[in-house]
């Protein structure tokens, strides 16, 4: 693997954690940093467990709310949407 030398500036606490990880895992600091970046990159765009739980709680709360329209109104809107899709778009805007 080709490598490029770069310089980063870390605060003392991060340096201490890096040194500790390198010593405990018996790996070079550069490998620790590479693995950490790889791990971080894999989680970009994914929700953490706490974020998932927060969103599920919000969904549960939303599901408890009473409906704002009758089933007949919902069915009529869905029928209109399906008709519009078959014929190139809605004739009027729904709010």
PDB file of N, CA and C in Angstrom:
ATOM      1  N   UNK A   1       0.847  -1.164   0.000  1.00  0.00           N
ATOM      2  CA  UNK A   1       0.000   0.000   0.000  1.00  0.00           C
ATOM      3  C   UNK A   1       0.901   1.237   0.000  1.00  0.00           C
ATOM      4  N   UNK A   2       0.679   2.118  -0.956  1.00  0.00           N
ATOM      5  CA  UNK A   2       1.430   3.369  -0.999  1.00  0.00           C
ATOM      6  C   UNK A   2       0.924   4.284   0.104  1.00  0.00           C
ATOM      7  N   UNK A   3       1.819   5.011   0.719  1.00  0.00           N
ATOM      8  CA  UNK A   3       1.422   5.914   1.793  1.00  0.00           C
ATOM      9  C   UNK A   3       1.898   7.321   1.493  1.00  0.00           C
ATOM     10  N   UNK A   4       1.224   8.265   2.113  1.00  0.00           N
ATOM     11  CA  UNK A   4       1.588   9.669   2.018  1.00  0.00           C
ATOM     12  C   UNK A   4       1.760  10.190   3.426  1.00  0.00           C
ATOM     13  N   UNK A   5       2.837  10.873   3.669  1.00  0.00           N
ATOM     14  CA  UNK A   5       3.084  11.424   4.996  1.00  0.00           C
ATOM     15  C   UNK A   5       2.305  12.729   5.132  1.00  0.00           C
ATOM     16  N   UNK A   6       1.557  12.847   6.225  1.00  0.00           N
ATOM     17  CA  UNK A   6       0.776  14.051   6.505  1.00  0.00           C
ATOM     18  C   UNK A   6       1.000  14.454   7.958  1.00  0.00           C
ATOM     19  N   UNK A   7       0.645  15.685   8.260  1.00  0.00           N
ATOM     20  CA  UNK A   7       0.798  16.197   9.617  1.00  0.00           C
ATOM     21  C   UNK A   7      -0.567  16.610  10.145  1.00  0.00           C
ATOM     22  N   UNK A   8      -0.896  16.151  11.346  1.00  0.00           N
ATOM     23  CA  UNK A   8      -2.128  16.529  12.021  1.00  0.00           C
ATOM     24  C   UNK A   8      -1.771  17.165  13.348  1.00  0.00           C
ATOM     25  N   UNK A   9      -2.651  18.007  13.830  1.00  0.00           N
ATOM     26  CA  UNK A   9      -2.479  18.613  15.145  1.00  0.00           C
ATOM     27  C   UNK A   9      -3.577  18.075  16.051  1.00  0.00           C
ATOM     28  N   UNK A  10      -3.185  17.449  17.150  1.00  0.00           N
ATOM     29  CA  UNK A  10      -4.130  16.884  18.100  1.00  0.00           C
ATOM     30  C   UNK A  10      -3.962  17.547  19.456  1.00  0.00           C
ATOM     31  N   UNK A  11      -5.052  17.591  20.209  1.00  0.00           N
ATOM     32  CA  UNK A  11      -4.988  18.102  21.574  1.00  0.00           C
ATOM     33  C   UNK A  11      -4.328  17.040  22.456  1.00  0.00           C
ATOM     34  N   UNK A  12      -3.860  17.433  23.640  1.00  0.00           N
ATOM     35  CA  UNK A  12      -3.150  16.491  24.520  1.00  0.00           C
ATOM     36  C   UNK A  12      -3.962  15.245  24.888  1.00  0.00           C
ATOM     37  N   UNK A  13      -5.255  15.396  25.086  1.00  0.00           N
ATOM     38  CA  UNK A  13      -6.076  14.235  25.457  1.00  0.00           C
ATOM     39  C   UNK A  13      -6.125  13.217  24.317  1.00  0.00           C
ATOM     40  N   UNK A  14      -6.221  13.701  23.089  1.00  0.00           N
ATOM     41  CA  UNK A  14      -6.244  12.796  21.933  1.00  0.00           C
ATOM     42  C   UNK A  14      -4.904  12.092  21.775  1.00  0.00           C
ATOM     43  N   UNK A  15      -3.824  12.829  21.982  1.00  0.00           N
ATOM     44  CA  UNK A  15      -2.483  12.229  21.915  1.00  0.00           C
ATOM     45  C   UNK A  15      -2.343  11.136  22.971  1.00  0.00           C
ATOM     46  N   UNK A  16      -2.852  11.403  24.167  1.00  0.00           N
ATOM     47  CA  UNK A  16      -2.772  10.403  25.242  1.00  0.00           C
ATOM     48  C   UNK A  16      -3.550   9.152  24.863  1.00  0.00           C
ATOM     49  N   UNK A  17      -4.738   9.327  24.296  1.00  0.00           N
ATOM     50  CA  UNK A  17      -5.538   8.169  23.875  1.00  0.00           C
ATOM     51  C   UNK A  17      -4.844   7.410  22.745  1.00  0.00           C
ATOM     52  N   UNK A  18      -4.249   8.147  21.805  1.00  0.00           N
ATOM     53  CA  UNK A  18      -3.526   7.513  20.699  1.00  0.00           C
ATOM     54  C   UNK A  18      -2.343   6.702  21.228  1.00  0.00           C
ATOM     55  N   UNK A  19      -1.562   7.305  22.116  1.00  0.00           N
ATOM     56  CA  UNK A  19      -0.419   6.599  22.710  1.00  0.00           C
ATOM     57  C   UNK A  19      -0.874   5.355  23.473  1.00  0.00           C
ATOM     58  N   UNK A  20      -1.944   5.500  24.244  1.00  0.00           N
ATOM     59  CA  UNK A  20      -2.469   4.379  25.022  1.00  0.00           C
ATOM     60  C   UNK A  20      -2.931   3.251  24.100  1.00  0.00           C
ATOM     61  N   UNK A  21      -3.677   3.599  23.058  1.00  0.00           N
ATOM     62  CA  UNK A  21      -4.167   2.580  22.120  1.00  0.00           C
ATOM     63  C   UNK A  21      -3.006   1.873  21.429  1.00  0.00           C
ATOM     64  N   UNK A  22      -2.025   2.638  20.993  1.00  0.00           N
ATOM     65  CA  UNK A  22      -0.871   2.046  20.306  1.00  0.00           C
ATOM     66  C   UNK A  22      -0.122   1.090  21.230  1.00  0.00           C
ATOM     67  N   UNK A  23       0.041   1.488  22.479  1.00  0.00           N
ATOM     68  CA  UNK A  23       0.759   0.639  23.432  1.00  0.00           C
ATOM     69  C   UNK A  23      -0.050  -0.616  23.760  1.00  0.00           C
ATOM     70  N   UNK A  24      -1.326  -0.445  24.047  1.00  0.00           N
ATOM     71  CA  UNK A  24      -2.160  -1.583  24.438  1.00  0.00           C
ATOM     72  C   UNK A  24      -2.351  -2.580  23.303  1.00  0.00           C
ATOM     73  N   UNK A  25      -2.421  -2.085  22.068  1.00  0.00           N
ATOM     74  CA  UNK A  25      -2.632  -2.968  20.921  1.00  0.00           C
ATOM     75  C   UNK A  25      -1.329  -3.386  20.251  1.00  0.00           C
ATOM     76  N   UNK A  26      -0.228  -2.824  20.736  1.00  0.00           N
ATOM     77  CA  UNK A  26       1.094  -3.117  20.168  1.00  0.00           C
ATOM     78  C   UNK A  26       1.102  -2.871  18.658  1.00  0.00           C
ATOM     79  N   UNK A  27       0.578  -1.700  18.281  1.00  0.00           N
ATOM     80  CA  UNK A  27       0.529  -1.308  16.872  1.00  0.00           C
ATOM     81  C   UNK A  27       1.121   0.083  16.733  1.00  0.00           C
ATOM     82  N   UNK A  28       1.635   0.405  15.560  1.00  0.00           N
ATOM     83  CA  UNK A  28       2.128   1.766  15.336  1.00  0.00           C
ATOM     84  C   UNK A  28       0.973   2.773  15.398  1.00  0.00           C
ATOM     85  N   UNK A  29       1.288   3.975  15.816  1.00  0.00           N
ATOM     86  CA  UNK A  29       0.267   5.025  15.911  1.00  0.00           C
ATOM     87  C   UNK A  29      -0.395   5.276  14.564  1.00  0.00           C
ATOM     88  N   UNK A  30       0.387   5.221  13.499  1.00  0.00           N
ATOM     89  CA  UNK A  30      -0.186   5.469  12.171  1.00  0.00           C
ATOM     90  C   UNK A  30      -1.244   4.414  11.826  1.00  0.00           C
ATOM     91  N   UNK A  31      -1.020   3.184  12.258  1.00  0.00           N
ATOM     92  CA  UNK A  31      -2.007   2.134  12.004  1.00  0.00           C
ATOM     93  C   UNK A  31      -3.272   2.370  12.820  1.00  0.00           C
ATOM     94  N   UNK A  32      -3.098   2.818  14.052  1.00  0.00           N
ATOM     95  CA  UNK A  32      -4.253   3.144  14.900  1.00  0.00           C
ATOM     96  C   UNK A  32      -5.084   4.233  14.230  1.00  0.00           C
ATOM     97  N   UNK A  33      -4.425   5.265  13.727  1.00  0.00           N
ATOM     98  CA  UNK A  33      -5.131   6.372  13.063  1.00  0.00           C
ATOM     99  C   UNK A  33      -5.828   5.868  11.803  1.00  0.00           C
ATOM    100  N   UNK A  34      -5.138   5.058  10.985  1.00  0.00           N
ATOM    101  CA  UNK A  34      -5.757   4.521   9.763  1.00  0.00           C
ATOM    102  C   UNK A  34      -7.003   3.707  10.092  1.00  0.00           C
ATOM    103  N   UNK A  35      -6.892   2.842  11.095  1.00  0.00           N
ATOM    104  CA  UNK A  35      -8.039   2.018  11.480  1.00  0.00           C
ATOM    105  C   UNK A  35      -9.186   2.876  12.009  1.00  0.00           C
ATOM    106  N   UNK A  36      -8.857   3.895  12.785  1.00  0.00           N
ATOM    107  CA  UNK A  36      -9.892   4.776  13.329  1.00  0.00           C
ATOM    108  C   UNK A  36     -10.611   5.520  12.205  1.00  0.00           C
ATOM    109  N   UNK A  37      -9.857   6.003  11.231  1.00  0.00           N
ATOM    110  CA  UNK A  37     -10.468   6.716  10.106  1.00  0.00           C
ATOM    111  C   UNK A  37     -11.328   5.759   9.289  1.00  0.00           C
ATOM    112  N   UNK A  38     -10.835   4.549   9.066  1.00  0.00           N
ATOM    113  CA  UNK A  38     -11.610   3.548   8.329  1.00  0.00           C
ATOM    114  C   UNK A  38     -12.926   3.256   9.050  1.00  0.00           C
ATOM    115  N   UNK A  39     -12.850   3.050  10.352  1.00  0.00           N
ATOM    116  CA  UNK A  39     -14.040   2.765  11.157  1.00  0.00           C
ATOM    117  C   UNK A  39     -15.020   3.941  11.121  1.00  0.00           C
ATOM    118  N   UNK A  40     -14.505   5.142  11.267  1.00  0.00           N
ATOM    119  CA  UNK A  40     -15.340   6.347  11.236  1.00  0.00           C
ATOM    120  C   UNK A  40     -16.027   6.470   9.878  1.00  0.00           C
ATOM    121  N   UNK A  41     -15.284   6.236   8.820  1.00  0.00           N
ATOM    122  CA  UNK A  41     -15.817   6.369   7.464  1.00  0.00           C
ATOM    123  C   UNK A  41     -16.956   5.384   7.210  1.00  0.00           C
ATOM    124  N   UNK A  42     -16.859   4.188   7.765  1.00  0.00           N
ATOM    125  CA  UNK A  42     -17.917   3.193   7.588  1.00  0.00           C
ATOM    126  C   UNK A  42     -19.232   3.623   8.230  1.00  0.00           C
ATOM    127  N   UNK A  43     -19.177   4.498   9.218  1.00  0.00           N
ATOM    128  CA  UNK A  43     -20.387   4.901   9.932  1.00  0.00           C
ATOM    129  C   UNK A  43     -20.984   6.205   9.429  1.00  0.00           C
ATOM    130  N   UNK A  44     -20.343   6.835   8.465  1.00  0.00           N
ATOM    131  CA  UNK A  44     -20.880   8.088   7.927  1.00  0.00           C
ATOM    132  C   UNK A  44     -22.239   7.802   7.300  1.00  0.00           C
ATOM    133  N   UNK A  45     -23.223   8.597   7.662  1.00  0.00           N
ATOM    134  CA  UNK A  45     -24.556   8.437   7.106  1.00  0.00           C
ATOM    135  C   UNK A  45     -25.415   7.403   7.806  1.00  0.00           C
ATOM    136  N   UNK A  46     -24.851   6.670   8.741  1.00  0.00           N
ATOM    137  CA  UNK A  46     -25.622   5.688   9.494  1.00  0.00           C
ATOM    138  C   UNK A  46     -26.009   6.277  10.838  1.00  0.00           C
ATOM    139  N   UNK A  47     -27.136   5.846  11.331  1.00  0.00           N
ATOM    140  CA  UNK A  47     -27.612   6.350  12.612  1.00  0.00           C
ATOM    141  C   UNK A  47     -26.970   5.581  13.757  1.00  0.00           C
ATOM    142  N   UNK A  48     -26.679   6.300  14.814  1.00  0.00           N
ATOM    143  CA  UNK A  48     -26.201   5.632  16.023  1.00  0.00           C
ATOM    144  C   UNK A  48     -27.398   4.965  16.701  1.00  0.00           C
ATOM    145  N   UNK A  49     -27.125   4.087  17.635  1.00  0.00           N
ATOM    146  CA  UNK A  49     -28.201   3.398  18.340  1.00  0.00           C
ATOM    147  C   UNK A  49     -29.103   4.393  19.067  1.00  0.00           C
ATOM    148  N   UNK A  50     -28.521   5.423  19.681  1.00  0.00           N
ATOM    149  CA  UNK A  50     -29.340   6.413  20.392  1.00  0.00           C
ATOM    150  C   UNK A  50     -30.202   7.209  19.412  1.00  0.00           C
ATOM    151  N   UNK A  51     -29.666   7.505  18.224  1.00  0.00           N
ATOM    152  CA  UNK A  51     -30.465   8.214  17.219  1.00  0.00           C
ATOM    153  C   UNK A  51     -31.620   7.340  16.731  1.00  0.00           C
ATOM    154  N   UNK A  52     -31.358   6.049  16.537  1.00  0.00           N
ATOM    155  CA  UNK A  52     -32.422   5.129  16.119  1.00  0.00           C
ATOM    156  C   UNK A  52     -33.527   5.089  17.164  1.00  0.00           C
ATOM    157  N   UNK A  53     -33.128   4.968  18.437  1.00  0.00           N
ATOM    158  CA  UNK A  53     -34.114   4.905  19.514  1.00  0.00           C
ATOM    159  C   UNK A  53     -34.927   6.190  19.602  1.00  0.00           C
ATOM    160  N   UNK A  54     -34.262   7.338  19.447  1.00  0.00           N
ATOM    161  CA  UNK A  54     -34.959   8.623  19.488  1.00  0.00           C
ATOM    162  C   UNK A  54     -35.986   8.713  18.364  1.00  0.00           C
ATOM    163  N   UNK A  55     -35.608   8.295  17.171  1.00  0.00           N
ATOM    164  CA  UNK A  55     -36.518   8.359  16.031  1.00  0.00           C
ATOM    165  C   UNK A  55     -37.672   7.367  16.181  1.00  0.00           C
ATOM    166  N   UNK A  56     -37.402   6.189  16.725  1.00  0.00           N
ATOM    167  CA  UNK A  56     -38.473   5.223  16.957  1.00  0.00           C
ATOM    168  C   UNK A  56     -39.462   5.732  18.002  1.00  0.00           C
ATOM    169  N   UNK A  57     -38.950   6.401  19.040  1.00  0.00           N
ATOM    170  CA  UNK A  57     -39.849   6.990  20.045  1.00  0.00           C
ATOM    171  C   UNK A  57     -40.732   8.057  19.406  1.00  0.00           C
ATOM    172  N   UNK A  58     -40.145   8.877  18.537  1.00  0.00           N
ATOM    173  CA  UNK A  58     -40.919   9.918  17.851  1.00  0.00           C
ATOM    174  C   UNK A  58     -41.995   9.279  16.976  1.00  0.00           C
ATOM    175  N   UNK A  59     -41.654   8.208  16.293  1.00  0.00           N
ATOM    176  CA  UNK A  59     -42.626   7.508  15.453  1.00  0.00           C
ATOM    177  C   UNK A  59     -43.737   6.903  16.301  1.00  0.00           C
ATOM    178  N   UNK A  60     -43.377   6.329  17.443  1.00  0.00           N
ATOM    179  CA  UNK A  60     -44.388   5.777  18.348  1.00  0.00           C
ATOM    180  C   UNK A  60     -45.341   6.866  18.828  1.00  0.00           C
ATOM    181  N   UNK A  61     -44.799   8.037  19.171  1.00  0.00           N
ATOM    182  CA  UNK A  61     -45.640   9.154  19.612  1.00  0.00           C
ATOM    183  C   UNK A  61     -46.554   9.618  18.483  1.00  0.00           C
ATOM    184  N   UNK A  62     -46.016   9.683  17.283  1.00  0.00           N
ATOM    185  CA  UNK A  62     -46.817  10.101  16.128  1.00  0.00           C
ATOM    186  C   UNK A  62     -47.947   9.107  15.874  1.00  0.00           C
ATOM    187  N   UNK A  63     -47.657   7.819  16.024  1.00  0.00           N
ATOM    188  CA  UNK A  63     -48.665   6.787  15.771  1.00  0.00           C
ATOM    189  C   UNK A  63     -49.818   6.867  16.773  1.00  0.00           C
ATOM    190  N   UNK A  64     -49.571   7.426  17.944  1.00  0.00           N
ATOM    191  CA  UNK A  64     -50.611   7.548  18.967  1.00  0.00           C
ATOM    192  C   UNK A  64     -51.593   8.683  18.671  1.00  0.00           C
ATOM    193  N   UNK A  65     -51.196   9.619  17.800  1.00  0.00           N
ATOM    194  CA  UNK A  65     -52.052  10.763  17.500  1.00  0.00           C
ATOM    195  C   UNK A  65     -53.285  10.323  16.720  1.00  0.00           C
ATOM    196  N   UNK A  66     -54.413  10.987  16.957  1.00  0.00           N
ATOM    197  CA  UNK A  66     -55.612  10.625  16.197  1.00  0.00           C
ATOM    198  C   UNK A  66     -55.450  11.040  14.729  1.00  0.00           C
ATOM    199  N   UNK A  67     -56.091  10.315  13.817  1.00  0.00           N
ATOM    200  CA  UNK A  67     -55.984  10.676  12.403  1.00  0.00           C
ATOM    201  C   UNK A  67     -56.589  12.054  12.149  1.00  0.00           C
ATOM    202  N   UNK A  68     -56.033  12.759  11.181  1.00  0.00           N
ATOM    203  CA  UNK A  68     -56.529  14.106  10.858  1.00  0.00           C
ATOM    204  C   UNK A  68     -57.573  14.070   9.752  1.00  0.00           C
ATOM    205  N   UNK A  69     -57.698  12.923   9.079  1.00  0.00           N
ATOM    206  CA  UNK A  69     -58.694  12.779   8.016  1.00  0.00           C
ATOM    207  C   UNK A  69     -59.374  11.422   8.140  1.00  0.00           C
ATOM    208  N   UNK A  70     -60.535  11.340   7.539  1.00  0.00           N
ATOM    209  CA  UNK A  70     -61.247  10.061   7.550  1.00  0.00           C
ATOM    210  C   UNK A  70     -60.608   9.115   6.541  1.00  0.00           C
ATOM    211  N   UNK A  71     -60.918   7.840   6.684  1.00  0.00           N
ATOM    212  CA  UNK A  71     -60.398   6.853   5.736  1.00  0.00           C
ATOM    213  C   UNK A  71     -60.907   7.144   4.329  1.00  0.00           C
ATOM    214  N   UNK A  72     -62.149   7.620   4.225  1.00  0.00           N
ATOM    215  CA  UNK A  72     -62.711   7.945   2.907  1.00  0.00           C
ATOM    216  C   UNK A  72     -61.921   9.073   2.241  1.00  0.00           C
ATOM    217  N   UNK A  73     -61.509  10.080   3.025  1.00  0.00           N
ATOM    218  CA  UNK A  73     -60.709  11.178   2.464  1.00  0.00           C
ATOM    219  C   UNK A  73     -59.342  10.680   1.992  1.00  0.00           C
ATOM    220  N   UNK A  74     -58.741   9.809   2.766  1.00  0.00           N
ATOM    221  CA  UNK A  74     -57.441   9.240   2.385  1.00  0.00           C
ATOM    222  C   UNK A  74     -57.587   8.415   1.111  1.00  0.00           C
ATOM    223  N   UNK A  75     -58.613   7.576   1.069  1.00  0.00           N
ATOM    224  CA  UNK A  75     -58.839   6.749  -0.121  1.00  0.00           C
ATOM    225  C   UNK A  75     -59.073   7.608  -1.356  1.00  0.00           C
ATOM    226  N   UNK A  76     -59.831   8.694  -1.204  1.00  0.00           N
ATOM    227  CA  UNK A  76     -60.097   9.587  -2.338  1.00  0.00           C
ATOM    228  C   UNK A  76     -58.811  10.244  -2.829  1.00  0.00           C
ATOM    229  N   UNK A  77     -57.951  10.676  -1.911  1.00  0.00           N
ATOM    230  CA  UNK A  77     -56.691  11.290  -2.321  1.00  0.00           C
ATOM    231  C   UNK A  77     -55.793  10.277  -3.028  1.00  0.00           C
ATOM    232  N   UNK A  78     -55.710   9.073  -2.494  1.00  0.00           N
ATOM    233  CA  UNK A  78     -54.895   8.043  -3.143  1.00  0.00           C
ATOM    234  C   UNK A  78     -55.423   7.719  -4.537  1.00  0.00           C
ATOM    235  N   UNK A  79     -56.734   7.654  -4.671  1.00  0.00           N
ATOM    236  CA  UNK A  79     -57.334   7.398  -5.985  1.00  0.00           C
ATOM    237  C   UNK A  79     -56.968   8.506  -6.964  1.00  0.00           C
ATOM    238  N   UNK A  80     -57.028   9.757  -6.518  1.00  0.00           N
ATOM    239  CA  UNK A  80     -56.672  10.898  -7.367  1.00  0.00           C
ATOM    240  C   UNK A  80     -55.190  10.865  -7.745  1.00  0.00           C
ATOM    241  N   UNK A  81     -54.332  10.528  -6.801  1.00  0.00           N
ATOM    242  CA  UNK A  81     -52.890  10.448  -7.082  1.00  0.00           C
ATOM    243  C   UNK A  81     -52.619   9.371  -8.120  1.00  0.00           C
ATOM    244  N   UNK A  82     -53.227   8.216  -7.950  1.00  0.00           N
ATOM    245  CA  UNK A  82     -53.019   7.130  -8.919  1.00  0.00           C
ATOM    246  C   UNK A  82     -53.530   7.515 -10.299  1.00  0.00           C
ATOM    247  N   UNK A  83     -54.688   8.163 -10.353  1.00  0.00           N
ATOM    248  CA  UNK A  83     -55.237   8.608 -11.627  1.00  0.00           C
ATOM    249  C   UNK A  83     -54.310   9.622 -12.283  1.00  0.00           C
ATOM    250  N   UNK A  84     -53.797  10.553 -11.480  1.00  0.00           N
ATOM    251  CA  UNK A  84     -52.915  11.591 -12.008  1.00  0.00           C
ATOM    252  C   UNK A  84     -51.621  10.991 -12.545  1.00  0.00           C
ATOM    253  N   UNK A  85     -51.104   9.998 -11.878  1.00  0.00           N
ATOM    254  CA  UNK A  85     -49.865   9.360 -12.344  1.00  0.00           C
ATOM    255  C   UNK A  85     -50.065   8.673 -13.692  1.00  0.00           C
ATOM    256  N   UNK A  86     -51.229   8.128 -13.884  1.00  0.00           N
ATOM    257  CA  UNK A  86     -51.510   7.474 -15.165  1.00  0.00           C
ATOM    258  C   UNK A  86     -51.704   8.489 -16.288  1.00  0.00           C
ATOM    259  N   UNK A  87     -52.071   9.725 -15.930  1.00  0.00           N
ATOM    260  CA  UNK A  87     -52.404  10.734 -16.939  1.00  0.00           C
ATOM    261  C   UNK A  87     -51.479  11.944 -16.927  1.00  0.00           C
ATOM    262  N   UNK A  88     -50.289  11.824 -16.369  1.00  0.00           N
ATOM    263  CA  UNK A  88     -49.299  12.890 -16.495  1.00  0.00           C
ATOM    264  C   UNK A  88     -49.305  13.976 -15.440  1.00  0.00           C
ATOM    265  N   UNK A  89     -49.878  13.764 -14.293  1.00  0.00           N
ATOM    266  CA  UNK A  89     -49.781  14.756 -13.222  1.00  0.00           C
ATOM    267  C   UNK A  89     -51.122  15.145 -12.644  1.00  0.00           C
ATOM    268  N   UNK A  90     -51.094  15.791 -11.509  1.00  0.00           N
ATOM    269  CA  UNK A  90     -52.319  16.240 -10.846  1.00  0.00           C
ATOM    270  C   UNK A  90     -52.902  17.441 -11.573  1.00  0.00           C
ATOM    271  N   UNK A  91     -54.192  17.575 -11.490  1.00  0.00           N
ATOM    272  CA  UNK A  91     -54.881  18.723 -12.081  1.00  0.00           C
ATOM    273  C   UNK A  91     -54.910  19.919 -11.131  1.00  0.00           C
ATOM    274  N   UNK A  92     -54.805  19.648  -9.833  1.00  0.00           N
ATOM    275  CA  UNK A  92     -54.771  20.721  -8.841  1.00  0.00           C
ATOM    276  C   UNK A  92     -53.867  20.290  -7.695  1.00  0.00           C
ATOM    277  N   UNK A  93     -53.468  21.246  -6.878  1.00  0.00           N
ATOM    278  CA  UNK A  93     -52.534  21.003  -5.782  1.00  0.00           C
ATOM    279  C   UNK A  93     -53.289  20.582  -4.535  1.00  0.00           C
ATOM    280  N   UNK A  94     -52.771  19.537  -3.873  1.00  0.00           N
ATOM    281  CA  UNK A  94     -53.311  19.131  -2.575  1.00  0.00           C
ATOM    282  C   UNK A  94     -52.492  19.776  -1.480  1.00  0.00           C
ATOM    283  N   UNK A  95     -53.134  20.170  -0.380  1.00  0.00           N
ATOM    284  CA  UNK A  95     -52.420  20.746   0.770  1.00  0.00           C
ATOM    285  C   UNK A  95     -52.156  19.692   1.793  1.00  0.00           C
TER     286      UNK A  95
END
